[in-house]
Amino acid sequence: FIEFTKEKLEQFYLVATIEKTLRYRKEGKSYFKTSKKG
């Protein structure tokens, strides 16, 4: 009886190294750009 939600995701990378990533993601009808370090 644990409630959950689910969604389809699509994502790709312009930069994808161990220390740094630049990612684009599609969630439903929304679009996001994410950069990560570390």
Full PDB file with SEQRES, HELIX, SHEET, SSBOND, CRYST1, ORIGX, SCALE, CONECT and MASTER records, all heavy atoms in Angstrom:
SEQRES   1 A   38  PHE ILE GLU PHE THR LYS GLU LYS LEU GLU GLN PHE TYR          
SEQRES   2 A   38  LEU VAL ALA THR ILE GLU LYS THR LEU ARG TYR ARG LYS          
SEQRES   3 A   38  GLU GLY LYS SER TYR PHE LYS THR SER LYS LYS GLY              
SHEET    1 AA1 3 LEU A   9  ALA A  16  0                                        
SHEET    2 AA1 3 LYS A  20  GLU A  27 -1                                        
SHEET    3 AA1 3 SER A  30  LYS A  37 -1                                        
CRYST1    1.000    1.000    1.000  90.00  90.00  90.00 P 1           1          
ORIGX1      1.000000  0.000000  0.000000        0.00000                         
ORIGX2      0.000000  1.000000  0.000000        0.00000                         
ORIGX3      0.000000  0.000000  1.000000        0.00000                         
SCALE1      1.000000  0.000000  0.000000        0.00000                         
SCALE2      0.000000  1.000000  0.000000        0.00000                         
SCALE3      0.000000  0.000000  1.000000        0.00000                         
ATOM      1  N   PHE A   1       0.822  -1.228   0.000  1.00  0.00           N  
ATOM      2  CA  PHE A   1       0.000   0.000   0.000  1.00  0.00           C  
ATOM      3  C   PHE A   1       0.850   1.270   0.000  1.00  0.00           C  
ATOM      4  O   PHE A   1       0.550   2.244   0.685  1.00  0.00           O  
ATOM      5  CB  PHE A   1      -0.958   0.003   1.210  1.00  0.00           C  
ATOM      6  CG  PHE A   1      -1.836  -1.211   1.279  1.00  0.00           C  
ATOM      7  CD1 PHE A   1      -1.543  -2.250   2.159  1.00  0.00           C  
ATOM      8  CD2 PHE A   1      -2.939  -1.340   0.439  1.00  0.00           C  
ATOM      9  CE1 PHE A   1      -2.341  -3.390   2.211  1.00  0.00           C  
ATOM     10  CE2 PHE A   1      -3.734  -2.472   0.478  1.00  0.00           C  
ATOM     11  CZ  PHE A   1      -3.442  -3.491   1.374  1.00  0.00           C  
ATOM     12  N   ILE A   2       1.943   1.230  -0.771  1.00  0.00           N  
ATOM     13  CA  ILE A   2       2.809   2.408  -0.893  1.00  0.00           C  
ATOM     14  C   ILE A   2       2.427   3.165  -2.161  1.00  0.00           C  
ATOM     15  O   ILE A   2       2.414   2.600  -3.255  1.00  0.00           O  
ATOM     16  CB  ILE A   2       4.290   1.990  -0.925  1.00  0.00           C  
ATOM     17  CG1 ILE A   2       4.679   1.353   0.416  1.00  0.00           C  
ATOM     18  CG2 ILE A   2       5.195   3.184  -1.226  1.00  0.00           C  
ATOM     19  CD1 ILE A   2       6.002   0.641   0.403  1.00  0.00           C  
ATOM     20  N   GLU A   3       2.092   4.440  -2.013  1.00  0.00           N  
ATOM     21  CA  GLU A   3       1.705   5.252  -3.172  1.00  0.00           C  
ATOM     22  C   GLU A   3       2.935   5.602  -3.995  1.00  0.00           C  
ATOM     23  O   GLU A   3       4.023   5.830  -3.452  1.00  0.00           O  
ATOM     24  CB  GLU A   3       1.013   6.528  -2.705  1.00  0.00           C  
ATOM     25  CG  GLU A   3      -0.346   6.262  -2.056  1.00  0.00           C  
ATOM     26  CD  GLU A   3      -1.055   7.556  -1.689  1.00  0.00           C  
ATOM     27  OE1 GLU A   3      -0.509   8.640  -1.994  1.00  0.00           O  
ATOM     28  OE2 GLU A   3      -2.146   7.473  -1.108  1.00  0.00           O  
ATOM     29  N   PHE A   4       2.745   5.655  -5.314  1.00  0.00           N  
ATOM     30  CA  PHE A   4       3.859   5.996  -6.195  1.00  0.00           C  
ATOM     31  C   PHE A   4       3.346   6.743  -7.423  1.00  0.00           C  
ATOM     32  O   PHE A   4       2.155   6.683  -7.760  1.00  0.00           O  
ATOM     33  CB  PHE A   4       4.616   4.738  -6.631  1.00  0.00           C  
ATOM     34  CG  PHE A   4       3.795   3.775  -7.444  1.00  0.00           C  
ATOM     35  CD1 PHE A   4       3.712   3.890  -8.828  1.00  0.00           C  
ATOM     36  CD2 PHE A   4       3.067   2.760  -6.824  1.00  0.00           C  
ATOM     37  CE1 PHE A   4       2.951   3.006  -9.579  1.00  0.00           C  
ATOM     38  CE2 PHE A   4       2.299   1.873  -7.558  1.00  0.00           C  
ATOM     39  CZ  PHE A   4       2.244   1.990  -8.945  1.00  0.00           C  
ATOM     40  N   THR A   5       4.233   7.459  -8.060  1.00  0.00           N  
ATOM     41  CA  THR A   5       3.929   8.070  -9.364  1.00  0.00           C  
ATOM     42  C   THR A   5       4.997   7.594 -10.339  1.00  0.00           C  
ATOM     43  O   THR A   5       6.091   7.183  -9.922  1.00  0.00           O  
ATOM     44  CB  THR A   5       3.954   9.608  -9.286  1.00  0.00           C  
ATOM     45  OG1 THR A   5       5.271  10.019  -8.869  1.00  0.00           O  
ATOM     46  CG2 THR A   5       2.895  10.127  -8.326  1.00  0.00           C  
ATOM     47  N   LYS A   6       4.691   7.633 -11.615  1.00  0.00           N  
ATOM     48  CA  LYS A   6       5.704   7.253 -12.607  1.00  0.00           C  
ATOM     49  C   LYS A   6       5.592   8.163 -13.823  1.00  0.00           C  
ATOM     50  O   LYS A   6       4.521   8.696 -14.125  1.00  0.00           O  
ATOM     51  CB  LYS A   6       5.571   5.781 -13.000  1.00  0.00           C  
ATOM     52  CG  LYS A   6       4.302   5.393 -13.720  1.00  0.00           C  
ATOM     53  CD  LYS A   6       4.358   3.916 -14.117  1.00  0.00           C  
ATOM     54  CE  LYS A   6       3.102   3.509 -14.867  1.00  0.00           C  
ATOM     55  NZ  LYS A   6       3.157   2.117 -15.349  1.00  0.00           N  
ATOM     56  N   GLU A   7       6.712   8.331 -14.494  1.00  0.00           N  
ATOM     57  CA  GLU A   7       6.743   9.189 -15.682  1.00  0.00           C  
ATOM     58  C   GLU A   7       7.813   8.699 -16.649  1.00  0.00           C  
ATOM     59  O   GLU A   7       8.795   8.058 -16.240  1.00  0.00           O  
ATOM     60  CB  GLU A   7       7.017  10.641 -15.275  1.00  0.00           C  
ATOM     61  CG  GLU A   7       8.349  10.813 -14.568  1.00  0.00           C  
ATOM     62  CD  GLU A   7       8.556  12.216 -14.026  1.00  0.00           C  
ATOM     63  OE1 GLU A   7       7.806  13.124 -14.433  1.00  0.00           O  
ATOM     64  OE2 GLU A   7       9.465  12.402 -13.203  1.00  0.00           O  
ATOM     65  N   LYS A   8       7.603   9.011 -17.917  1.00  0.00           N  
ATOM     66  CA  LYS A   8       8.586   8.667 -18.941  1.00  0.00           C  
ATOM     67  C   LYS A   8       9.620   9.786 -19.022  1.00  0.00           C  
ATOM     68  O   LYS A   8       9.267  10.964 -19.032  1.00  0.00           O  
ATOM     69  CB  LYS A   8       7.907   8.498 -20.300  1.00  0.00           C  
ATOM     70  CG  LYS A   8       7.117   7.216 -20.436  1.00  0.00           C  
ATOM     71  CD  LYS A   8       6.564   7.094 -21.841  1.00  0.00           C  
ATOM     72  CE  LYS A   8       5.748   5.799 -22.014  1.00  0.00           C  
ATOM     73  NZ  LYS A   8       5.191   5.687 -23.375  1.00  0.00           N  
ATOM     74  N   LEU A   9      10.881   9.398 -19.093  1.00  0.00           N  
ATOM     75  CA  LEU A   9      11.968  10.378 -19.208  1.00  0.00           C  
ATOM     76  C   LEU A   9      12.799  10.091 -20.455  1.00  0.00           C  
ATOM     77  O   LEU A   9      12.987   8.938 -20.836  1.00  0.00           O  
ATOM     78  CB  LEU A   9      12.892  10.317 -17.988  1.00  0.00           C  
ATOM     79  CG  LEU A   9      12.297  10.604 -16.601  1.00  0.00           C  
ATOM     80  CD1 LEU A   9      13.393  10.527 -15.550  1.00  0.00           C  
ATOM     81  CD2 LEU A   9      11.623  11.948 -16.554  1.00  0.00           C  
ATOM     82  N   GLU A  10      13.279  11.170 -21.056  1.00  0.00           N  
ATOM     83  CA  GLU A  10      14.248  11.066 -22.150  1.00  0.00           C  
ATOM     84  C   GLU A  10      15.370  12.036 -21.817  1.00  0.00           C  
ATOM     85  O   GLU A  10      15.104  13.174 -21.419  1.00  0.00           O  
ATOM     86  CB  GLU A  10      13.584  11.439 -23.478  1.00  0.00           C  
ATOM     87  CG  GLU A  10      14.542  11.379 -24.661  1.00  0.00           C  
ATOM     88  CD  GLU A  10      13.892  11.867 -25.951  1.00  0.00           C  
ATOM     89  OE1 GLU A  10      13.305  11.037 -26.660  1.00  0.00           O  
ATOM     90  OE2 GLU A  10      13.969  13.089 -26.226  1.00  0.00           O  
ATOM     91  N   GLN A  11      16.611  11.599 -21.943  1.00  0.00           N  
ATOM     92  CA  GLN A  11      17.709  12.507 -21.624  1.00  0.00           C  
ATOM     93  C   GLN A  11      18.941  12.213 -22.469  1.00  0.00           C  
ATOM     94  O   GLN A  11      19.125  11.102 -22.960  1.00  0.00           O  
ATOM     95  CB  GLN A  11      18.050  12.446 -20.136  1.00  0.00           C  
ATOM     96  CG  GLN A  11      18.597  11.122 -19.655  1.00  0.00           C  
ATOM     97  CD  GLN A  11      18.742  11.091 -18.139  1.00  0.00           C  
ATOM     98  OE1 GLN A  11      17.795  11.385 -17.400  1.00  0.00           O  
ATOM     99  NE2 GLN A  11      19.937  10.745 -17.668  1.00  0.00           N  
ATOM    100  N   PHE A  12      19.759  13.250 -22.630  1.00  0.00           N  
ATOM    101  CA  PHE A  12      21.013  13.103 -23.382  1.00  0.00           C  
ATOM    102  C   PHE A  12      22.013  14.106 -22.820  1.00  0.00           C  
ATOM    103  O   PHE A  12      21.671  14.973 -21.997  1.00  0.00           O  
ATOM    104  CB  PHE A  12      20.788  13.324 -24.881  1.00  0.00           C  
ATOM    105  CG  PHE A  12      20.219  14.669 -25.229  1.00  0.00           C  
ATOM    106  CD1 PHE A  12      21.047  15.772 -25.423  1.00  0.00           C  
ATOM    107  CD2 PHE A  12      18.849  14.848 -25.352  1.00  0.00           C  
ATOM    108  CE1 PHE A  12      20.522  17.017 -25.729  1.00  0.00           C  
ATOM    109  CE2 PHE A  12      18.309  16.089 -25.661  1.00  0.00           C  
ATOM    110  CZ  PHE A  12      19.147  17.180 -25.843  1.00  0.00           C  
ATOM    111  N   TYR A  13      23.257  13.999 -23.267  1.00  0.00           N  
ATOM    112  CA  TYR A  13      24.337  14.808 -22.705  1.00  0.00           C  
ATOM    113  C   TYR A  13      25.106  15.546 -23.795  1.00  0.00           C  
ATOM    114  O   TYR A  13      25.360  14.990 -24.872  1.00  0.00           O  
ATOM    115  CB  TYR A  13      25.307  13.924 -21.920  1.00  0.00           C  
ATOM    116  CG  TYR A  13      24.690  13.334 -20.668  1.00  0.00           C  
ATOM    117  CD1 TYR A  13      23.866  12.219 -20.738  1.00  0.00           C  
ATOM    118  CD2 TYR A  13      24.908  13.923 -19.431  1.00  0.00           C  
ATOM    119  CE1 TYR A  13      23.277  11.697 -19.596  1.00  0.00           C  
ATOM    120  CE2 TYR A  13      24.331  13.406 -18.281  1.00  0.00           C  
ATOM    121  CZ  TYR A  13      23.511  12.290 -18.373  1.00  0.00           C  
ATOM    122  OH  TYR A  13      22.923  11.783 -17.244  1.00  0.00           O  
ATOM    123  N   LEU A  14      25.480  16.804 -23.479  1.00  0.00           N  
ATOM    124  CA  LEU A  14      26.422  17.530 -24.332  1.00  0.00           C  
ATOM    125  C   LEU A  14      27.833  17.357 -23.776  1.00  0.00           C  
ATOM    126  O   LEU A  14      28.801  17.321 -24.514  1.00  0.00           O  
ATOM    127  CB  LEU A  14      26.065  19.021 -24.396  1.00  0.00           C  
ATOM    128  CG  LEU A  14      24.699  19.368 -25.023  1.00  0.00           C  
ATOM    129  CD1 LEU A  14      24.575  20.863 -25.233  1.00  0.00           C  
ATOM    130  CD2 LEU A  14      24.489  18.646 -26.348  1.00  0.00           C  
ATOM    131  N   VAL A  15      27.917  17.246 -22.445  1.00  0.00           N  
ATOM    132  CA  VAL A  15      29.190  16.953 -21.771  1.00  0.00           C  
ATOM    133  C   VAL A  15      28.916  15.836 -20.777  1.00  0.00           C  
ATOM    134  O   VAL A  15      27.928  15.877 -20.039  1.00  0.00           O  
ATOM    135  CB  VAL A  15      29.729  18.194 -21.007  1.00  0.00           C  
ATOM    136  CG1 VAL A  15      31.029  17.840 -20.280  1.00  0.00           C  
ATOM    137  CG2 VAL A  15      29.943  19.359 -21.949  1.00  0.00           C  
ATOM    138  N   ALA A  16      29.754  14.816 -20.765  1.00  0.00           N  
ATOM    139  CA  ALA A  16      29.561  13.708 -19.813  1.00  0.00           C  
ATOM    140  C   ALA A  16      30.918  13.137 -19.426  1.00  0.00           C  
ATOM    141  O   ALA A  16      31.397  12.171 -20.012  1.00  0.00           O  
ATOM    142  CB  ALA A  16      28.679  12.628 -20.429  1.00  0.00           C  
ATOM    143  N   THR A  17      31.565  13.779 -18.445  1.00  0.00           N  
ATOM    144  CA  THR A  17      32.832  13.272 -17.913  1.00  0.00           C  
ATOM    145  C   THR A  17      32.611  12.856 -16.461  1.00  0.00           C  
ATOM    146  O   THR A  17      31.530  13.068 -15.908  1.00  0.00           O  
ATOM    147  CB  THR A  17      33.937  14.348 -17.987  1.00  0.00           C  
ATOM    148  OG1 THR A  17      33.585  15.432 -17.112  1.00  0.00           O  
ATOM    149  CG2 THR A  17      34.122  14.855 -19.404  1.00  0.00           C  
ATOM    150  N   ILE A  18      33.641  12.286 -15.844  1.00  0.00           N  
ATOM    151  CA  ILE A  18      33.508  11.833 -14.455  1.00  0.00           C  
ATOM    152  C   ILE A  18      33.220  13.010 -13.527  1.00  0.00           C  
ATOM    153  O   ILE A  18      32.408  12.922 -12.610  1.00  0.00           O  
ATOM    154  CB  ILE A  18      34.792  11.084 -14.012  1.00  0.00           C  
ATOM    155  CG1 ILE A  18      34.911   9.769 -14.790  1.00  0.00           C  
ATOM    156  CG2 ILE A  18      34.782  10.809 -12.503  1.00  0.00           C  
ATOM    157  CD1 ILE A  18      36.213   9.042 -14.573  1.00  0.00           C  
ATOM    158  N   GLU A  19      33.862  14.160 -13.773  1.00  0.00           N  
ATOM    159  CA  GLU A  19      33.748  15.312 -12.862  1.00  0.00           C  
ATOM    160  C   GLU A  19      32.685  16.325 -13.271  1.00  0.00           C  
ATOM    161  O   GLU A  19      32.244  17.123 -12.459  1.00  0.00           O  
ATOM    162  CB  GLU A  19      35.118  16.018 -12.751  1.00  0.00           C  
ATOM    163  CG  GLU A  19      36.163  15.208 -12.004  1.00  0.00           C  
ATOM    164  CD  GLU A  19      35.776  14.926 -10.553  1.00  0.00           C  
ATOM    165  OE1 GLU A  19      35.123  15.783  -9.924  1.00  0.00           O  
ATOM    166  OE2 GLU A  19      36.110  13.834 -10.066  1.00  0.00           O  
ATOM    167  N   LYS A  20      32.263  16.315 -14.540  1.00  0.00           N  
ATOM    168  CA  LYS A  20      31.336  17.359 -14.997  1.00  0.00           C  
ATOM    169  C   LYS A  20      30.363  16.803 -16.037  1.00  0.00           C  
ATOM    170  O   LYS A  20      30.762  16.039 -16.927  1.00  0.00           O  
ATOM    171  CB  LYS A  20      32.135  18.519 -15.602  1.00  0.00           C  
ATOM    172  CG  LYS A  20      31.281  19.710 -15.995  1.00  0.00           C  
ATOM    173  CD  LYS A  20      32.154  20.828 -16.554  1.00  0.00           C  
ATOM    174  CE  LYS A  20      31.293  22.013 -16.989  1.00  0.00           C  
ATOM    175  NZ  LYS A  20      32.100  23.108 -17.566  1.00  0.00           N  
ATOM    176  N   THR A  21      29.080  17.178 -15.915  1.00  0.00           N  
ATOM    177  CA  THR A  21      28.087  16.764 -16.919  1.00  0.00           C  
ATOM    178  C   THR A  21      27.170  17.936 -17.262  1.00  0.00           C  
ATOM    179  O   THR A  21      26.872  18.785 -16.413  1.00  0.00           O  
ATOM    180  CB  THR A  21      27.199  15.603 -16.417  1.00  0.00           C  
ATOM    181  OG1 THR A  21      26.465  16.026 -15.273  1.00  0.00           O  
ATOM    182  CG2 THR A  21      28.001  14.378 -16.082  1.00  0.00           C  
ATOM    183  N   LEU A  22      26.756  17.992 -18.502  1.00  0.00           N  
ATOM    184  CA  LEU A  22      25.730  18.932 -18.954  1.00  0.00           C  
ATOM    185  C   LEU A  22      24.648  18.100 -19.630  1.00  0.00           C  
ATOM    186  O   LEU A  22      24.880  17.511 -20.685  1.00  0.00           O  
ATOM    187  CB  LEU A  22      26.309  19.959 -19.928  1.00  0.00           C  
ATOM    188  CG  LEU A  22      25.299  20.970 -20.513  1.00  0.00           C  
ATOM    189  CD1 LEU A  22      24.596  21.760 -19.417  1.00  0.00           C  
ATOM    190  CD2 LEU A  22      25.974  21.909 -21.503  1.00  0.00           C  
ATOM    191  N   ARG A  23      23.482  18.059 -18.991  1.00  0.00           N  
ATOM    192  CA  ARG A  23      22.419  17.133 -19.415  1.00  0.00           C  
ATOM    193  C   ARG A  23      21.145  17.887 -19.776  1.00  0.00           C  
ATOM    194  O   ARG A  23      20.803  18.894 -19.159  1.00  0.00           O  
ATOM    195  CB  ARG A  23      22.123  16.177 -18.258  1.00  0.00           C  
ATOM    196  CG  ARG A  23      21.054  15.145 -18.547  1.00  0.00           C  
ATOM    197  CD  ARG A  23      20.625  14.449 -17.275  1.00  0.00           C  
ATOM    198  NE  ARG A  23      19.788  15.322 -16.442  1.00  0.00           N  
ATOM    199  CZ  ARG A  23      19.630  15.173 -15.122  1.00  0.00           C  
ATOM    200  NH1 ARG A  23      20.265  14.208 -14.482  1.00  0.00           N  
ATOM    201  NH2 ARG A  23      18.859  16.005 -14.441  1.00  0.00           N  
ATOM    202  N   TYR A  24      20.449  17.364 -20.797  1.00  0.00           N  
ATOM    203  CA  TYR A  24      19.103  17.835 -21.133  1.00  0.00           C  
ATOM    204  C   TYR A  24      18.127  16.687 -20.883  1.00  0.00           C  
ATOM    205  O   TYR A  24      18.418  15.533 -21.197  1.00  0.00           O  
ATOM    206  CB  TYR A  24      19.029  18.271 -22.598  1.00  0.00           C  
ATOM    207  CG  TYR A  24      19.596  19.652 -22.847  1.00  0.00           C  
ATOM    208  CD1 TYR A  24      20.968  19.838 -22.992  1.00  0.00           C  
ATOM    209  CD2 TYR A  24      18.759  20.765 -22.918  1.00  0.00           C  
ATOM    210  CE1 TYR A  24      21.500  21.102 -23.220  1.00  0.00           C  
ATOM    211  CE2 TYR A  24      19.280  22.038 -23.155  1.00  0.00           C  
ATOM    212  CZ  TYR A  24      20.649  22.195 -23.295  1.00  0.00           C  
ATOM    213  OH  TYR A  24      21.167  23.455 -23.511  1.00  0.00           O  
ATOM    214  N   ARG A  25      16.971  17.050 -20.310  1.00  0.00           N  
ATOM    215  CA  ARG A  25      15.987  16.005 -19.990  1.00  0.00           C  
ATOM    216  C   ARG A  25      14.575  16.476 -20.333  1.00  0.00           C  
ATOM    217  O   ARG A  25      14.213  17.621 -20.081  1.00  0.00           O  
ATOM    218  CB  ARG A  25      16.052  15.642 -18.501  1.00  0.00           C  
ATOM    219  CG  ARG A  25      14.964  14.656 -18.089  1.00  0.00           C  
ATOM    220  CD  ARG A  25      15.004  14.383 -16.598  1.00  0.00           C  
ATOM    221  NE  ARG A  25      16.075  13.452 -16.273  1.00  0.00           N  
ATOM    222  CZ  ARG A  25      16.539  13.272 -15.038  1.00  0.00           C  
ATOM    223  NH1 ARG A  25      16.051  13.962 -14.032  1.00  0.00           N  
ATOM    224  NH2 ARG A  25      17.501  12.395 -14.818  1.00  0.00           N  
ATOM    225  N   LYS A  26      13.814  15.516 -20.882  1.00  0.00           N  
ATOM    226  CA  LYS A  26      12.393  15.761 -21.153  1.00  0.00           C  
ATOM    227  C   LYS A  26      11.580  14.961 -20.143  1.00  0.00           C  
ATOM    228  O   LYS A  26      11.736  13.749 -20.026  1.00  0.00           O  
ATOM    229  CB  LYS A  26      12.051  15.297 -22.576  1.00  0.00           C  
ATOM    230  CG  LYS A  26      10.588  15.434 -22.947  1.00  0.00           C  
ATOM    231  CD  LYS A  26      10.330  14.859 -24.330  1.00  0.00           C  
ATOM    232  CE  LYS A  26       8.844  14.890 -24.670  1.00  0.00           C  
ATOM    233  NZ  LYS A  26       8.558  14.246 -25.959  1.00  0.00           N  
ATOM    234  N   GLU A  27      10.719  15.666 -19.386  1.00  0.00           N  
ATOM    235  CA  GLU A  27       9.831  15.018 -18.419  1.00  0.00           C  
ATOM    236  C   GLU A  27       8.403  15.409 -18.774  1.00  0.00           C  
ATOM    237  O   GLU A  27       7.993  16.543 -18.523  1.00  0.00           O  
ATOM    238  CB  GLU A  27      10.150  15.485 -16.984  1.00  0.00           C  
ATOM    239  CG  GLU A  27      11.550  15.136 -16.528  1.00  0.00           C  
ATOM    240  CD  GLU A  27      11.833  15.631 -15.109  1.00  0.00           C  
ATOM    241  OE1 GLU A  27      10.857  15.920 -14.382  1.00  0.00           O  
ATOM    242  OE2 GLU A  27      13.015  15.731 -14.735  1.00  0.00           O  
ATOM    243  N   GLY A  28       7.652  14.476 -19.377  1.00  0.00           N  
ATOM    244  CA  GLY A  28       6.292  14.809 -19.830  1.00  0.00           C  
ATOM    245  C   GLY A  28       6.361  15.875 -20.907  1.00  0.00           C  
ATOM    246  O   GLY A  28       6.990  15.681 -21.948  1.00  0.00           O  
ATOM    247  N   LYS A  29       5.793  17.070 -20.628  1.00  0.00           N  
ATOM    248  CA  LYS A  29       5.831  18.177 -21.596  1.00  0.00           C  
ATOM    249  C   LYS A  29       6.802  19.263 -21.170  1.00  0.00           C  
ATOM    250  O   LYS A  29       6.833  20.350 -21.754  1.00  0.00           O  
ATOM    251  CB  LYS A  29       4.424  18.762 -21.752  1.00  0.00           C  
ATOM    252  CG  LYS A  29       3.442  17.777 -22.402  1.00  0.00           C  
ATOM    253  CD  LYS A  29       2.081  18.410 -22.603  1.00  0.00           C  
ATOM    254  CE  LYS A  29       1.114  17.419 -23.272  1.00  0.00           C  
ATOM    255  NZ  LYS A  29      -0.236  18.006 -23.455  1.00  0.00           N  
ATOM    256  N   SER A  30       7.601  18.974 -20.141  1.00  0.00           N  
ATOM    257  CA  SER A  30       8.571  19.952 -19.640  1.00  0.00           C  
ATOM    258  C   SER A  30       9.990  19.547 -20.043  1.00  0.00           C  
ATOM    259  O   SER A  30      10.291  18.362 -20.206  1.00  0.00           O  
ATOM    260  CB  SER A  30       8.481  20.048 -18.110  1.00  0.00           C  
ATOM    261  OG  SER A  30       7.174  20.423 -17.717  1.00  0.00           O  
ATOM    262  N   TYR A  31      10.853  20.565 -20.187  1.00  0.00           N  
ATOM    263  CA  TYR A  31      12.228  20.334 -20.636  1.00  0.00           C  
ATOM    264  C   TYR A  31      13.189  21.039 -19.666  1.00  0.00           C  
ATOM    265  O   TYR A  31      12.938  22.173 -19.247  1.00  0.00           O  
ATOM    266  CB  TYR A  31      12.428  20.882 -22.053  1.00  0.00           C  
ATOM    267  CG  TYR A  31      11.468  20.276 -23.058  1.00  0.00           C  
ATOM    268  CD1 TYR A  31      10.190  20.831 -23.241  1.00  0.00           C  
ATOM    269  CD2 TYR A  31      11.809  19.157 -23.792  1.00  0.00           C  
ATOM    270  CE1 TYR A  31       9.298  20.270 -24.140  1.00  0.00           C  
ATOM    271  CE2 TYR A  31      10.926  18.590 -24.706  1.00  0.00           C  
ATOM    272  CZ  TYR A  31       9.669  19.149 -24.867  1.00  0.00           C  
ATOM    273  OH  TYR A  31       8.782  18.587 -25.758  1.00  0.00           O  
ATOM    274  N   PHE A  32      14.304  20.367 -19.332  1.00  0.00           N  
ATOM    275  CA  PHE A  32      15.230  20.906 -18.340  1.00  0.00           C  
ATOM    276  C   PHE A  32      16.677  20.747 -18.796  1.00  0.00           C  
ATOM    277  O   PHE A  32      17.022  19.788 -19.487  1.00  0.00           O  
ATOM    278  CB  PHE A  32      15.064  20.185 -16.995  1.00  0.00           C  
ATOM    279  CG  PHE A  32      13.685  20.321 -16.402  1.00  0.00           C  
ATOM    280  CD1 PHE A  32      12.706  19.369 -16.671  1.00  0.00           C  
ATOM    281  CD2 PHE A  32      13.365  21.411 -15.599  1.00  0.00           C  
ATOM    282  CE1 PHE A  32      11.431  19.485 -16.146  1.00  0.00           C  
ATOM    283  CE2 PHE A  32      12.089  21.526 -15.061  1.00  0.00           C  
ATOM    284  CZ  PHE A  32      11.120  20.573 -15.331  1.00  0.00           C  
ATOM    285  N   LYS A  33      17.495  21.727 -18.388  1.00  0.00           N  
ATOM    286  CA  LYS A  33      18.950  21.648 -18.597  1.00  0.00           C  
ATOM    287  C   LYS A  33      19.587  21.576 -17.216  1.00  0.00           C  
ATOM    288  O   LYS A  33      19.277  22.395 -16.346  1.00  0.00           O  
ATOM    289  CB  LYS A  33      19.460  22.867 -19.364  1.00  0.00           C  
ATOM    290  CG  LYS A  33      20.967  22.849 -19.590  1.00  0.00           C  
ATOM    291  CD  LYS A  33      21.426  23.972 -20.507  1.00  0.00           C  
ATOM    292  CE  LYS A  33      21.469  25.290 -19.760  1.00  0.00           C  
ATOM    293  NZ  LYS A  33      22.103  26.356 -20.586  1.00  0.00           N  
ATOM    294  N   THR A  34      20.466  20.588 -17.016  1.00  0.00           N  
ATOM    295  CA  THR A  34      21.087  20.392 -15.704  1.00  0.00           C  
ATOM    296  C   THR A  34      22.594  20.256 -15.864  1.00  0.00           C  
ATOM    297  O   THR A  34      23.065  19.491 -16.712  1.00  0.00           O  
ATOM    298  CB  THR A  34      20.542  19.116 -15.029  1.00  0.00           C  
ATOM    299  OG1 THR A  34      19.119  19.171 -15.020  1.00  0.00           O  
ATOM    300  CG2 THR A  34      21.052  18.997 -13.601  1.00  0.00           C  
ATOM    301  N   SER A  35      23.332  21.004 -15.054  1.00  0.00           N  
ATOM    302  CA  SER A  35      24.790  20.814 -15.021  1.00  0.00           C  
ATOM    303  C   SER A  35      25.175  20.307 -13.637  1.00  0.00           C  
ATOM    304  O   SER A  35      24.622  20.742 -12.627  1.00  0.00           O  
ATOM    305  CB  SER A  35      25.519  22.120 -15.343  1.00  0.00           C  
ATOM    306  OG  SER A  35      25.205  23.106 -14.388  1.00  0.00           O  
ATOM    307  N   LYS A  36      26.099  19.353 -13.610  1.00  0.00           N  
ATOM    308  CA  LYS A  36      26.537  18.752 -12.346  1.00  0.00           C  
ATOM    309  C   LYS A  36      28.052  18.747 -12.288  1.00  0.00           C  
ATOM    310  O   LYS A  36      28.726  18.552 -13.304  1.00  0.00           O  
ATOM    311  CB  LYS A  36      26.021  17.320 -12.207  1.00  0.00           C  
ATOM    312  CG  LYS A  36      24.510  17.206 -12.099  1.00  0.00           C  
ATOM    313  CD  LYS A  36      24.081  15.766 -11.817  1.00  0.00           C  
ATOM    314  CE  LYS A  36      22.566  15.661 -11.755  1.00  0.00           C  
ATOM    315  NZ  LYS A  36      22.109  14.303 -11.357  1.00  0.00           N  
ATOM    316  N   LYS A  37      28.572  18.960 -11.059  1.00  0.00           N  
ATOM    317  CA  LYS A  37      30.017  18.868 -10.825  1.00  0.00           C  
ATOM    318  C   LYS A  37      30.265  17.881  -9.704  1.00  0.00           C  
ATOM    319  O   LYS A  37      29.501  17.830  -8.739  1.00  0.00           O  
ATOM    320  CB  LYS A  37      30.589  20.232 -10.441  1.00  0.00           C  
ATOM    321  CG  LYS A  37      30.666  21.217 -11.597  1.00  0.00           C  
ATOM    322  CD  LYS A  37      31.299  22.515 -11.138  1.00  0.00           C  
ATOM    323  CE  LYS A  37      31.348  23.530 -12.285  1.00  0.00           C  
ATOM    324  NZ  LYS A  37      31.933  24.821 -11.824  1.00  0.00           N  
ATOM    325  N   GLY A  38      31.353  17.121  -9.824  1.00  0.00           N  
ATOM    326  CA  GLY A  38      31.695  16.151  -8.785  1.00  0.00           C  
ATOM    327  C   GLY A  38      31.182  14.764  -9.114  1.00  0.00           C  
ATOM    328  O   GLY A  38      30.526  14.548 -10.134  1.00  0.00           O  
TER     329      GLY A  38                                                      
MASTER        0    0    0    0    3    0    0    6  328    1    0    3          
END                                                                             
